[in-house]
Protein backbone atom coordinates (compact mmCIF):
# COMPACT_ATOMS: atom_id res chain seq x y z
CA UNK A 1 91.31 4.62 -91.44
CA UNK A 2 88.17 6.67 -91.43
CA UNK A 3 87.92 7.88 -95.02
CA UNK A 4 85.27 10.43 -94.17
CA UNK A 5 87.80 12.64 -92.39
CA UNK A 6 89.53 15.28 -94.48
CA UNK A 7 93.03 16.33 -93.55
CA UNK A 8 93.16 19.99 -92.57
CA UNK A 9 95.24 22.18 -90.24
CA UNK A 10 92.54 21.57 -87.59
CA UNK A 11 92.67 17.77 -87.86
CA UNK A 12 93.92 16.11 -84.70
CA UNK A 13 95.98 13.02 -85.26
CA UNK A 14 97.89 10.47 -83.24
CA UNK A 15 100.16 7.46 -83.83
CA UNK A 16 98.45 4.08 -84.18
CA UNK A 17 99.47 1.51 -81.54
CA UNK A 18 101.58 -1.44 -82.56
CA UNK A 19 104.66 0.25 -84.12
CA UNK A 20 108.24 -0.01 -82.89
CA UNK A 21 110.32 3.03 -83.73
CA UNK A 22 114.01 3.70 -83.21
CA UNK A 23 116.61 6.29 -84.08
CA UNK A 24 119.41 5.25 -86.41
CA UNK A 25 122.11 7.76 -87.44
CA UNK A 26 119.74 10.73 -86.96
CA UNK A 27 116.82 9.09 -88.80
CA UNK A 28 113.75 7.38 -87.52
CA UNK A 29 113.02 3.84 -88.59
CA UNK A 30 109.91 1.94 -87.67
CA UNK A 31 108.49 -1.55 -87.79
CA UNK A 32 104.74 -2.02 -88.05
CA UNK A 33 104.15 -5.15 -86.06
CA UNK A 34 100.76 -5.73 -87.58
CA UNK A 35 101.79 -5.84 -91.27
CA UNK A 36 105.49 -6.61 -90.81
CA UNK A 37 106.58 -3.62 -92.90
CA UNK A 38 109.68 -1.53 -92.15
CA UNK A 39 109.61 2.24 -92.77
CA UNK A 40 112.47 4.69 -92.94
CA UNK A 41 110.82 7.98 -91.89
CA UNK A 42 113.98 10.01 -92.32
CA UNK A 43 114.87 13.01 -90.27
CA UNK A 44 111.82 15.19 -91.00
CA UNK A 45 109.45 12.24 -90.96
CA UNK A 46 110.92 11.29 -87.57
CA UNK A 47 110.03 14.78 -86.26
CA UNK A 48 106.54 14.44 -87.57
CA UNK A 49 106.20 10.96 -86.04
CA UNK A 50 107.46 12.26 -82.67
CA UNK A 51 105.01 15.16 -82.76
CA UNK A 52 102.19 12.67 -83.08
CA UNK A 53 103.18 10.61 -80.01
CA UNK A 54 100.15 12.15 -78.36
CA UNK A 55 97.13 13.71 -80.09
CA UNK A 56 98.15 16.91 -81.85
CA UNK A 57 96.60 19.23 -84.42
CA UNK A 58 98.21 19.33 -87.85
CA UNK A 59 98.84 23.04 -87.41
CA UNK A 60 101.17 22.26 -84.46
CA UNK A 61 103.05 19.66 -86.60
CA UNK A 62 103.49 22.21 -89.40
CA UNK A 63 104.78 24.79 -86.94
CA UNK A 64 107.22 22.27 -85.43
CA UNK A 65 108.68 21.43 -88.90
CA UNK A 66 108.80 25.12 -89.92
CA UNK A 67 110.71 26.08 -86.76
CA UNK A 68 112.99 23.04 -86.52
CA UNK A 69 114.06 22.99 -90.22
CA UNK A 70 113.85 26.76 -90.82
CA UNK A 71 111.62 26.43 -93.91
CA UNK A 72 108.74 28.60 -95.07
CA UNK A 73 105.30 27.95 -93.75
CA UNK A 74 104.07 27.04 -97.22
CA UNK A 75 106.79 24.43 -97.71
CA UNK A 76 106.28 23.01 -94.24
CA UNK A 77 102.56 22.72 -94.73
CA UNK A 78 102.86 21.08 -98.18
CA UNK A 79 105.45 18.54 -96.94
CA UNK A 80 103.62 17.72 -93.69
CA UNK A 81 100.32 17.18 -95.51
CA UNK A 82 101.95 14.90 -98.08
CA UNK A 83 103.69 12.90 -95.38
CA UNK A 84 100.63 12.59 -93.16
CA UNK A 85 98.58 11.44 -96.09
CA UNK A 86 101.04 8.56 -96.61
CA UNK A 87 100.93 7.70 -92.89
CA UNK A 88 97.14 7.64 -93.07
CA UNK A 89 97.22 5.42 -96.14
CA UNK A 90 99.54 2.97 -94.34
CA UNK A 91 97.29 3.06 -91.24
CA UNK A 92 100.13 4.26 -89.10
CA UNK A 93 98.26 7.25 -87.67
CA UNK A 94 94.57 7.93 -87.03
CA UNK A 95 92.20 10.83 -86.53
CA UNK A 96 90.99 11.69 -83.04
CA UNK A 97 88.20 13.98 -82.19
CA UNK A 98 90.06 16.34 -79.82
CA UNK A 99 93.06 15.96 -77.52
């Protein structure tokens, strides 16, 4: 992870390669082949994960969660930022310059 990047609505992120994800009972579960860890992303996390299959700005991810789960923009933004920060800390996603 490049620690010099700050997460913002304009940040463009994408999934890191080397993860195997699957849907189980409406929730997304994932295996990171590199570190051998399993992750249960849940329903909302699965939507976020899917939104980052190709490079996407954080603002688009927030909009997707707001619309799909009918939550306020503030709640969507807070939850998306928190989840993305965890994904960055686990090296599951990365910053890209522009799509």
